[in-house]
Amino acid sequence: MLVDNDTKYLCNAFPYLGKDELRSANESLPESVVMRLMSPYLNKGRNVTTDNFITSASLARTLKAKDTSIVGTISRTRREVPAVLAMERAPLHETTLLRNGDGATLTVYQGKVNKNVLLLSTLHSTIDIGTNHKKLPETVQFYNKSKCGVYILDQMARRYSTRAAARRWPVHVFCNILDLAAINAWIIYRGVTGEKTSRHDFLRQLGEELREVYKEKRESMVPKHNEEEQSQDKKSKQKASVSSRYV
């Protein structure tokens, strides 16, 4: 899923259906997923935040060629990460910066005594170090602020869901689409009207309005001759009940 970090609006998504026959042999699966999700937003100067399963130097180069930057944690097992640097244990809250010729910056931050964090960024040309006791570099601060979009959207979808028990996966996919569409509708409604309506109240109102639309549609589909037959049946029943009183 591709989510706007500020509004938590779902920008793009698609289900994983197994091996993609159209994927190039030179393109990894994470890179293919990111480029497919970002295809409507490339060449617009945007930034994408990714986790260590997705981030790679190859993806950073591909996105930069499309005028798109990337900030994300990178696995220490990647080939482009020097083994010595990945296993190095610097003093606590110490930061090491490396920059290559492609304009990407690798930040190695010793967040814990026995664990460091590696971040790759093509967004930051210069990186400032925080003045607090943790001395957080700018890349780490940016990543902490922009990494939670997908997780928050997933939590919202789980809290109020149309999902029901079913053994068929298309049913689960359909219910998930409904949940995500309702969240997007709520975000758009709040943005357009400026009202601070809770999602619970919005979903309740949305369900009632959809029910009325469905009810009107069903009533309009009833043929007129059926309505006449039903009215005649009611009249005959009324006559039968009236006559029975005088028997």
C-alpha atoms as a PDB file:
ATOM      1  CA  MET A   1       0.000   0.000   0.000  1.00  0.00           C
ATOM      2  CA  LEU A   2       1.037   3.576  -0.696  1.00  0.00           C
ATOM      3  CA  VAL A   3      -0.249   6.011   1.948  1.00  0.00           C
ATOM      4  CA  ASP A   4       0.018   9.786   2.294  1.00  0.00           C
ATOM      5  CA  ASN A   5       1.794  10.370   5.591  1.00  0.00           C
ATOM      6  CA  ASP A   6       0.021  13.630   6.488  1.00  0.00           C
ATOM      7  CA  THR A   7      -3.611  12.618   5.914  1.00  0.00           C
ATOM      8  CA  LYS A   8      -3.278   8.789   5.961  1.00  0.00           C
ATOM      9  CA  TYR A   9      -5.120   8.733   2.615  1.00  0.00           C
ATOM     10  CA  LEU A  10      -4.619   5.538   0.629  1.00  0.00           C
ATOM     11  CA  CYS A  11      -3.045   6.638  -2.652  1.00  0.00           C
ATOM     12  CA  ASN A  12      -2.466   3.273  -4.314  1.00  0.00           C
ATOM     13  CA  ALA A  13      -2.622  -0.436  -3.522  1.00  0.00           C
ATOM     14  CA  PHE A  14      -2.832  -3.843  -5.131  1.00  0.00           C
ATOM     15  CA  PRO A  15      -3.014  -7.424  -3.790  1.00  0.00           C
ATOM     16  CA  TYR A  16      -0.118  -9.818  -4.071  1.00  0.00           C
ATOM     17  CA  LEU A  17      -1.173 -12.604  -6.451  1.00  0.00           C
ATOM     18  CA  GLY A  18       2.032 -14.581  -6.624  1.00  0.00           C
ATOM     19  CA  LYS A  19       4.798 -14.445  -9.196  1.00  0.00           C
ATOM     20  CA  ASP A  20       4.515 -11.576 -11.648  1.00  0.00           C
ATOM     21  CA  GLU A  21       5.290 -12.824 -15.145  1.00  0.00           C
ATOM     22  CA  LEU A  22       5.672  -9.243 -16.436  1.00  0.00           C
ATOM     23  CA  ARG A  23       8.436  -8.365 -13.962  1.00  0.00           C
ATOM     24  CA  SER A  24      11.866  -7.921 -15.502  1.00  0.00           C
ATOM     25  CA  ALA A  25      14.554 -10.431 -14.572  1.00  0.00           C
ATOM     26  CA  ASN A  26      16.877  -7.579 -13.563  1.00  0.00           C
ATOM     27  CA  GLU A  27      14.266  -6.076 -11.223  1.00  0.00           C
ATOM     28  CA  SER A  28      13.820  -7.375  -7.681  1.00  0.00           C
ATOM     29  CA  LEU A  29      10.378  -7.970  -6.215  1.00  0.00           C
ATOM     30  CA  PRO A  30      10.527  -5.050  -3.717  1.00  0.00           C
ATOM     31  CA  GLU A  31      11.707  -2.690  -6.443  1.00  0.00           C
ATOM     32  CA  SER A  32       8.918  -3.847  -8.759  1.00  0.00           C
ATOM     33  CA  VAL A  33       6.300  -3.294  -6.055  1.00  0.00           C
ATOM     34  CA  VAL A  34       7.519   0.220  -5.231  1.00  0.00           C
ATOM     35  CA  MET A  35       7.711   1.316  -8.867  1.00  0.00           C
ATOM     36  CA  ARG A  36       4.244  -0.030  -9.551  1.00  0.00           C
ATOM     37  CA  LEU A  37       2.759   1.739  -6.540  1.00  0.00           C
ATOM     38  CA  MET A  38       4.581   4.987  -7.279  1.00  0.00           C
ATOM     39  CA  SER A  39       3.884   5.021 -11.029  1.00  0.00           C
ATOM     40  CA  PRO A  40       1.159   7.748 -10.838  1.00  0.00           C
ATOM     41  CA  TYR A  41       3.415   9.971  -8.681  1.00  0.00           C
ATOM     42  CA  LEU A  42       6.794   9.723 -10.378  1.00  0.00           C
ATOM     43  CA  ASN A  43       8.538  12.789 -11.859  1.00  0.00           C
ATOM     44  CA  LYS A  44       6.719  15.071  -9.399  1.00  0.00           C
ATOM     45  CA  GLY A  45       9.425  15.642  -6.802  1.00  0.00           C
ATOM     46  CA  ARG A  46       7.869  13.402  -4.141  1.00  0.00           C
ATOM     47  CA  ASN A  47       9.531  11.296  -1.457  1.00  0.00           C
ATOM     48  CA  VAL A  48       8.804   7.708  -0.419  1.00  0.00           C
ATOM     49  CA  THR A  49       9.657   6.198   2.976  1.00  0.00           C
ATOM     50  CA  THR A  50      10.357   2.455   3.053  1.00  0.00           C
ATOM     51  CA  ASP A  51      11.477  -0.227   5.498  1.00  0.00           C
ATOM     52  CA  ASN A  52      14.592  -2.407   5.391  1.00  0.00           C
ATOM     53  CA  PHE A  53      12.901  -5.139   3.314  1.00  0.00           C
ATOM     54  CA  ILE A  54      12.430  -2.714   0.406  1.00  0.00           C
ATOM     55  CA  THR A  55      15.246  -0.138   0.588  1.00  0.00           C
ATOM     56  CA  SER A  56      18.237  -0.715  -1.682  1.00  0.00           C
ATOM     57  CA  ALA A  57      20.779   1.338  -3.603  1.00  0.00           C
ATOM     58  CA  SER A  58      19.335   0.082  -6.894  1.00  0.00           C
ATOM     59  CA  LEU A  59      15.861   1.305  -5.968  1.00  0.00           C
ATOM     60  CA  ALA A  60      17.297   4.652  -4.847  1.00  0.00           C
ATOM     61  CA  ARG A  61      18.971   5.132  -8.229  1.00  0.00           C
ATOM     62  CA  THR A  62      15.828   4.152 -10.139  1.00  0.00           C
ATOM     63  CA  LEU A  63      13.639   6.542  -8.147  1.00  0.00           C
ATOM     64  CA  LYS A  64      16.132   9.398  -8.401  1.00  0.00           C
ATOM     65  CA  ALA A  65      16.084   9.051 -12.181  1.00  0.00           C
ATOM     66  CA  LYS A  66      12.313   9.647 -11.906  1.00  0.00           C
ATOM     67  CA  ASP A  67      12.756  12.802  -9.759  1.00  0.00           C
ATOM     68  CA  THR A  68      11.659  10.912  -6.636  1.00  0.00           C
ATOM     69  CA  SER A  69      13.653  10.641  -3.413  1.00  0.00           C
ATOM     70  CA  ILE A  70      13.721   7.835  -0.866  1.00  0.00           C
ATOM     71  CA  VAL A  71      14.380   7.623   2.860  1.00  0.00           C
ATOM     72  CA  GLY A  72      14.395   4.234   4.516  1.00  0.00           C
ATOM     73  CA  THR A  73      16.141   1.788   6.772  1.00  0.00           C
ATOM     74  CA  ILE A  74      18.381  -0.631   4.912  1.00  0.00           C
ATOM     75  CA  SER A  75      19.339  -4.157   5.871  1.00  0.00           C
ATOM     76  CA  ARG A  76      22.954  -4.635   6.938  1.00  0.00           C
ATOM     77  CA  THR A  77      23.082  -7.773   4.744  1.00  0.00           C
ATOM     78  CA  ARG A  78      22.758  -5.763   1.512  1.00  0.00           C
ATOM     79  CA  ARG A  79      25.727  -6.037  -0.821  1.00  0.00           C
ATOM     80  CA  GLU A  80      26.106  -2.274  -1.039  1.00  0.00           C
ATOM     81  CA  VAL A  81      26.574  -1.968   2.737  1.00  0.00           C
ATOM     82  CA  PRO A  82      30.210  -2.440   3.818  1.00  0.00           C
ATOM     83  CA  ALA A  83      30.417  -5.419   6.164  1.00  0.00           C
ATOM     84  CA  VAL A  84      32.856  -3.657   8.476  1.00  0.00           C
ATOM     85  CA  LEU A  85      30.574  -0.657   8.809  1.00  0.00           C
ATOM     86  CA  ALA A  86      27.477  -2.775   9.397  1.00  0.00           C
ATOM     87  CA  MET A  87      29.083  -4.733  12.235  1.00  0.00           C
ATOM     88  CA  GLU A  88      30.911  -1.790  13.758  1.00  0.00           C
ATOM     89  CA  ARG A  89      29.978  -0.787  17.303  1.00  0.00           C
ATOM     90  CA  ALA A  90      30.496   2.933  17.739  1.00  0.00           C
ATOM     91  CA  PRO A  91      30.018   4.854  20.986  1.00  0.00           C
ATOM     92  CA  LEU A  92      26.395   5.276  22.057  1.00  0.00           C
ATOM     93  CA  HIS A  93      24.464   7.922  20.072  1.00  0.00           C
ATOM     94  CA  GLU A  94      27.353   8.322  17.635  1.00  0.00           C
ATOM     95  CA  THR A  95      26.590   8.935  13.921  1.00  0.00           C
ATOM     96  CA  THR A  96      28.630   7.921  10.878  1.00  0.00           C
ATOM     97  CA  LEU A  97      27.800   9.360   7.436  1.00  0.00           C
ATOM     98  CA  LEU A  98      28.791   7.939   4.050  1.00  0.00           C
ATOM     99  CA  ARG A  99      27.967   9.446   0.670  1.00  0.00           C
ATOM    100  CA  ASN A 100      28.395   7.869  -2.770  1.00  0.00           C
ATOM    101  CA  GLY A 101      28.620   9.370  -6.227  1.00  0.00           C
ATOM    102  CA  ASP A 102      24.909   8.823  -6.934  1.00  0.00           C
ATOM    103  CA  GLY A 103      23.876  11.385  -4.322  1.00  0.00           C
ATOM    104  CA  ALA A 104      22.737   8.825  -1.734  1.00  0.00           C
ATOM    105  CA  THR A 105      23.710   9.197   1.909  1.00  0.00           C
ATOM    106  CA  LEU A 106      24.070   6.269   4.298  1.00  0.00           C
ATOM    107  CA  THR A 107      23.525   7.108   7.960  1.00  0.00           C
ATOM    108  CA  VAL A 108      24.765   4.709  10.628  1.00  0.00           C
ATOM    109  CA  TYR A 109      23.380   5.674  14.027  1.00  0.00           C
ATOM    110  CA  GLN A 110      24.311   3.840  17.213  1.00  0.00           C
ATOM    111  CA  GLY A 111      20.906   3.971  18.887  1.00  0.00           C
ATOM    112  CA  LYS A 112      21.670   1.221  21.405  1.00  0.00           C
ATOM    113  CA  VAL A 113      24.835  -0.205  22.876  1.00  0.00           C
ATOM    114  CA  ASN A 114      24.672  -3.418  20.834  1.00  0.00           C
ATOM    115  CA  LYS A 115      22.557  -2.257  17.889  1.00  0.00           C
ATOM    116  CA  ASN A 116      22.904   0.420  15.246  1.00  0.00           C
ATOM    117  CA  VAL A 117      20.453   1.675  12.633  1.00  0.00           C
ATOM    118  CA  LEU A 118      21.283   2.084   8.941  1.00  0.00           C
ATOM    119  CA  LEU A 119      19.304   4.549   6.811  1.00  0.00           C
ATOM    120  CA  LEU A 120      19.675   5.335   3.125  1.00  0.00           C
ATOM    121  CA  SER A 121      18.522   8.748   1.894  1.00  0.00           C
ATOM    122  CA  THR A 122      18.555  10.598  -1.419  1.00  0.00           C
ATOM    123  CA  LEU A 123      16.470  13.435   0.049  1.00  0.00           C
ATOM    124  CA  HIS A 124      19.093  14.943   2.360  1.00  0.00           C
ATOM    125  CA  SER A 125      22.149  16.509   0.757  1.00  0.00           C
ATOM    126  CA  THR A 126      23.430  17.605   4.176  1.00  0.00           C
ATOM    127  CA  ILE A 127      22.517  16.009   7.482  1.00  0.00           C
ATOM    128  CA  ASP A 128      22.352  17.922  10.743  1.00  0.00           C
ATOM    129  CA  ILE A 129      22.864  16.218  14.095  1.00  0.00           C
ATOM    130  CA  GLY A 130      20.445  16.893  16.945  1.00  0.00           C
ATOM    131  CA  THR A 131      21.580  18.789  20.018  1.00  0.00           C
ATOM    132  CA  ASN A 132      19.684  16.695  22.579  1.00  0.00           C
ATOM    133  CA  HIS A 133      21.252  13.875  24.573  1.00  0.00           C
ATOM    134  CA  LYS A 134      20.401  11.258  21.903  1.00  0.00           C
ATOM    135  CA  LYS A 135      21.991  13.343  19.111  1.00  0.00           C
ATOM    136  CA  LEU A 136      19.528  12.054  16.522  1.00  0.00           C
ATOM    137  CA  PRO A 137      20.646  12.768  12.945  1.00  0.00           C
ATOM    138  CA  GLU A 138      18.208  14.518  10.609  1.00  0.00           C
ATOM    139  CA  THR A 139      17.594  11.371   8.568  1.00  0.00           C
ATOM    140  CA  VAL A 140      16.517   9.395  11.645  1.00  0.00           C
ATOM    141  CA  GLN A 141      14.169  12.176  12.753  1.00  0.00           C
ATOM    142  CA  PHE A 142      12.603  12.374   9.288  1.00  0.00           C
ATOM    143  CA  TYR A 143      12.185   8.602   9.116  1.00  0.00           C
ATOM    144  CA  ASN A 144      10.503   8.459  12.534  1.00  0.00           C
ATOM    145  CA  LYS A 145       7.977  11.098  11.440  1.00  0.00           C
ATOM    146  CA  SER A 146       7.153   9.585   8.040  1.00  0.00           C
ATOM    147  CA  LYS A 147       7.288   5.815   8.602  1.00  0.00           C
ATOM    148  CA  CYS A 148       3.887   5.303  10.248  1.00  0.00           C
ATOM    149  CA  GLY A 149       1.420   5.986   7.412  1.00  0.00           C
ATOM    150  CA  VAL A 150       0.787   2.384   6.379  1.00  0.00           C
ATOM    151  CA  TYR A 151       0.720   1.101   9.969  1.00  0.00           C
ATOM    152  CA  ILE A 152      -1.855   3.675  11.113  1.00  0.00           C
ATOM    153  CA  LEU A 153      -4.071   3.014   8.091  1.00  0.00           C
ATOM    154  CA  ASP A 154      -3.926  -0.717   8.795  1.00  0.00           C
ATOM    155  CA  GLN A 155      -4.891  -0.117  12.437  1.00  0.00           C
ATOM    156  CA  MET A 156      -7.862   2.021  11.409  1.00  0.00           C
ATOM    157  CA  ALA A 157      -9.055  -0.655   8.990  1.00  0.00           C
ATOM    158  CA  ARG A 158      -8.891  -3.286  11.729  1.00  0.00           C
ATOM    159  CA  ARG A 159     -10.737  -1.202  14.322  1.00  0.00           C
ATOM    160  CA  TYR A 160     -13.942  -0.748  12.285  1.00  0.00           C
ATOM    161  CA  SER A 161     -14.208  -3.465   9.678  1.00  0.00           C
ATOM    162  CA  THR A 162     -16.849  -5.100   7.488  1.00  0.00           C
ATOM    163  CA  ARG A 163     -14.847  -8.323   7.531  1.00  0.00           C
ATOM    164  CA  ALA A 164     -16.757 -11.473   8.388  1.00  0.00           C
ATOM    165  CA  ALA A 165     -15.794 -15.109   8.777  1.00  0.00           C
ATOM    166  CA  ALA A 166     -15.251 -16.671   5.358  1.00  0.00           C
ATOM    167  CA  ARG A 167     -13.051 -19.317   3.771  1.00  0.00           C
ATOM    168  CA  ARG A 168     -12.829 -17.645   0.365  1.00  0.00           C
ATOM    169  CA  TRP A 169     -10.004 -15.125   0.019  1.00  0.00           C
ATOM    170  CA  PRO A 170     -11.892 -12.933  -2.532  1.00  0.00           C
ATOM    171  CA  VAL A 171     -14.409 -12.179   0.223  1.00  0.00           C
ATOM    172  CA  HIS A 172     -11.644 -10.955   2.531  1.00  0.00           C
ATOM    173  CA  VAL A 173     -10.168  -8.833  -0.276  1.00  0.00           C
ATOM    174  CA  PHE A 174     -13.584  -7.302  -1.015  1.00  0.00           C
ATOM    175  CA  CYS A 175     -14.188  -6.484   2.644  1.00  0.00           C
ATOM    176  CA  ASN A 176     -10.739  -4.928   2.914  1.00  0.00           C
ATOM    177  CA  ILE A 177     -11.473  -2.768  -0.140  1.00  0.00           C
ATOM    178  CA  LEU A 178     -14.691  -1.585   1.516  1.00  0.00           C
ATOM    179  CA  ASP A 179     -12.843  -0.713   4.728  1.00  0.00           C
ATOM    180  CA  LEU A 180     -10.127   1.240   2.920  1.00  0.00           C
ATOM    181  CA  ALA A 181     -12.646   3.019   0.675  1.00  0.00           C
ATOM    182  CA  ALA A 182     -14.626   4.106   3.750  1.00  0.00           C
ATOM    183  CA  ILE A 183     -11.463   5.491   5.366  1.00  0.00           C
ATOM    184  CA  ASN A 184     -10.638   7.472   2.210  1.00  0.00           C
ATOM    185  CA  ALA A 185     -14.208   8.793   2.086  1.00  0.00           C
ATOM    186  CA  TRP A 186     -13.950   9.910   5.722  1.00  0.00           C
ATOM    187  CA  ILE A 187     -10.641  11.703   5.055  1.00  0.00           C
ATOM    188  CA  ILE A 188     -12.075  13.478   1.994  1.00  0.00           C
ATOM    189  CA  TYR A 189     -15.233  14.450   3.904  1.00  0.00           C
ATOM    190  CA  ARG A 190     -13.246  16.004   6.743  1.00  0.00           C
ATOM    191  CA  GLY A 191     -10.963  17.801   4.315  1.00  0.00           C
ATOM    192  CA  VAL A 192     -13.798  19.265   2.221  1.00  0.00           C
ATOM    193  CA  THR A 193     -16.248  20.194   4.982  1.00  0.00           C
ATOM    194  CA  GLY A 194     -13.752  21.009   7.722  1.00  0.00           C
ATOM    195  CA  GLU A 195     -15.894  19.113  10.233  1.00  0.00           C
ATOM    196  CA  LYS A 196     -14.202  17.056  12.959  1.00  0.00           C
ATOM    197  CA  THR A 197     -16.565  14.109  12.589  1.00  0.00           C
ATOM    198  CA  SER A 198     -15.360  10.914  14.227  1.00  0.00           C
ATOM    199  CA  ARG A 199     -14.913   7.906  11.973  1.00  0.00           C
ATOM    200  CA  HIS A 200     -17.464   5.949  14.030  1.00  0.00           C
ATOM    201  CA  ASP A 201     -20.197   8.545  13.411  1.00  0.00           C
ATOM    202  CA  PHE A 202     -19.214   8.916   9.761  1.00  0.00           C
ATOM    203  CA  LEU A 203     -19.405   5.169   9.125  1.00  0.00           C
ATOM    204  CA  ARG A 204     -22.793   4.984  10.807  1.00  0.00           C
ATOM    205  CA  GLN A 205     -24.156   7.834   8.690  1.00  0.00           C
ATOM    206  CA  LEU A 206     -22.583   6.335   5.571  1.00  0.00           C
ATOM    207  CA  GLY A 207     -24.266   2.974   6.246  1.00  0.00           C
ATOM    208  CA  GLU A 208     -27.664   4.601   6.713  1.00  0.00           C
ATOM    209  CA  GLU A 209     -27.356   6.601   3.487  1.00  0.00           C
ATOM    210  CA  LEU A 210     -26.247   3.546   1.510  1.00  0.00           C
ATOM    211  CA  ARG A 211     -29.192   1.615   2.937  1.00  0.00           C
ATOM    212  CA  GLU A 212     -31.627   4.310   1.761  1.00  0.00           C
ATOM    213  CA  VAL A 213     -30.087   4.325  -1.711  1.00  0.00           C
ATOM    214  CA  TYR A 214     -30.370   0.543  -1.924  1.00  0.00           C
ATOM    215  CA  LYS A 215     -33.953   0.670  -0.659  1.00  0.00           C
ATOM    216  CA  GLU A 216     -35.004   3.239  -3.267  1.00  0.00           C
ATOM    217  CA  LYS A 217     -33.290   1.253  -6.005  1.00  0.00           C
ATOM    218  CA  ARG A 218     -35.094  -1.924  -4.994  1.00  0.00           C
ATOM    219  CA  GLU A 219     -38.443  -0.159  -4.906  1.00  0.00           C
ATOM    220  CA  SER A 220     -37.904   1.349  -8.357  1.00  0.00           C
ATOM    221  CA  MET A 221     -37.171  -2.114  -9.770  1.00  0.00           C
ATOM    222  CA  VAL A 222     -40.585  -3.503  -8.739  1.00  0.00           C
ATOM    223  CA  PRO A 223     -42.827  -3.706 -11.888  1.00  0.00           C
ATOM    224  CA  LYS A 224     -46.028  -1.663 -11.870  1.00  0.00           C
ATOM    225  CA  HIS A 225     -48.239  -4.687 -12.565  1.00  0.00           C
ATOM    226  CA  ASN A 226     -46.857  -6.326  -9.440  1.00  0.00           C
ATOM    227  CA  GLU A 227     -47.789  -3.244  -7.457  1.00  0.00           C
ATOM    228  CA  GLU A 228     -51.327  -3.391  -8.896  1.00  0.00           C
ATOM    229  CA  GLU A 229     -51.596  -7.087  -8.039  1.00  0.00           C
ATOM    230  CA  GLN A 230     -50.394  -6.403  -4.500  1.00  0.00           C
ATOM    231  CA  SER A 231     -52.935  -3.596  -4.082  1.00  0.00           C
ATOM    232  CA  GLN A 232     -55.716  -5.837  -5.403  1.00  0.00           C
ATOM    233  CA  ASP A 233     -54.667  -8.604  -3.019  1.00  0.00           C
ATOM    234  CA  LYS A 234     -54.789  -6.158  -0.132  1.00  0.00           C
ATOM    235  CA  LYS A 235     -58.269  -4.980  -1.140  1.00  0.00           C
ATOM    236  CA  SER A 236     -59.542  -8.551  -1.472  1.00  0.00           C
ATOM    237  CA  LYS A 237     -58.136  -9.424   1.940  1.00  0.00           C
ATOM    238  CA  GLN A 238     -59.780  -6.371   3.432  1.00  0.00           C
ATOM    239  CA  LYS A 239     -63.128  -7.318   1.871  1.00  0.00           C
ATOM    240  CA  ALA A 240     -62.781 -10.873   3.127  1.00  0.00           C
ATOM    241  CA  SER A 241     -62.071  -9.649   6.637  1.00  0.00           C
ATOM    242  CA  VAL A 242     -65.024  -7.255   6.550  1.00  0.00           C
ATOM    243  CA  SER A 243     -67.450  -9.902   5.254  1.00  0.00           C
ATOM    244  CA  SER A 244     -66.255 -12.385   7.854  1.00  0.00           C
ATOM    245  CA  ARG A 245     -67.388 -10.048  10.604  1.00  0.00           C
ATOM    246  CA  TYR A 246     -70.988 -10.316   9.437  1.00  0.00           C
ATOM    247  CA  VAL A 247     -71.073 -14.086   9.098  1.00  0.00           C
END
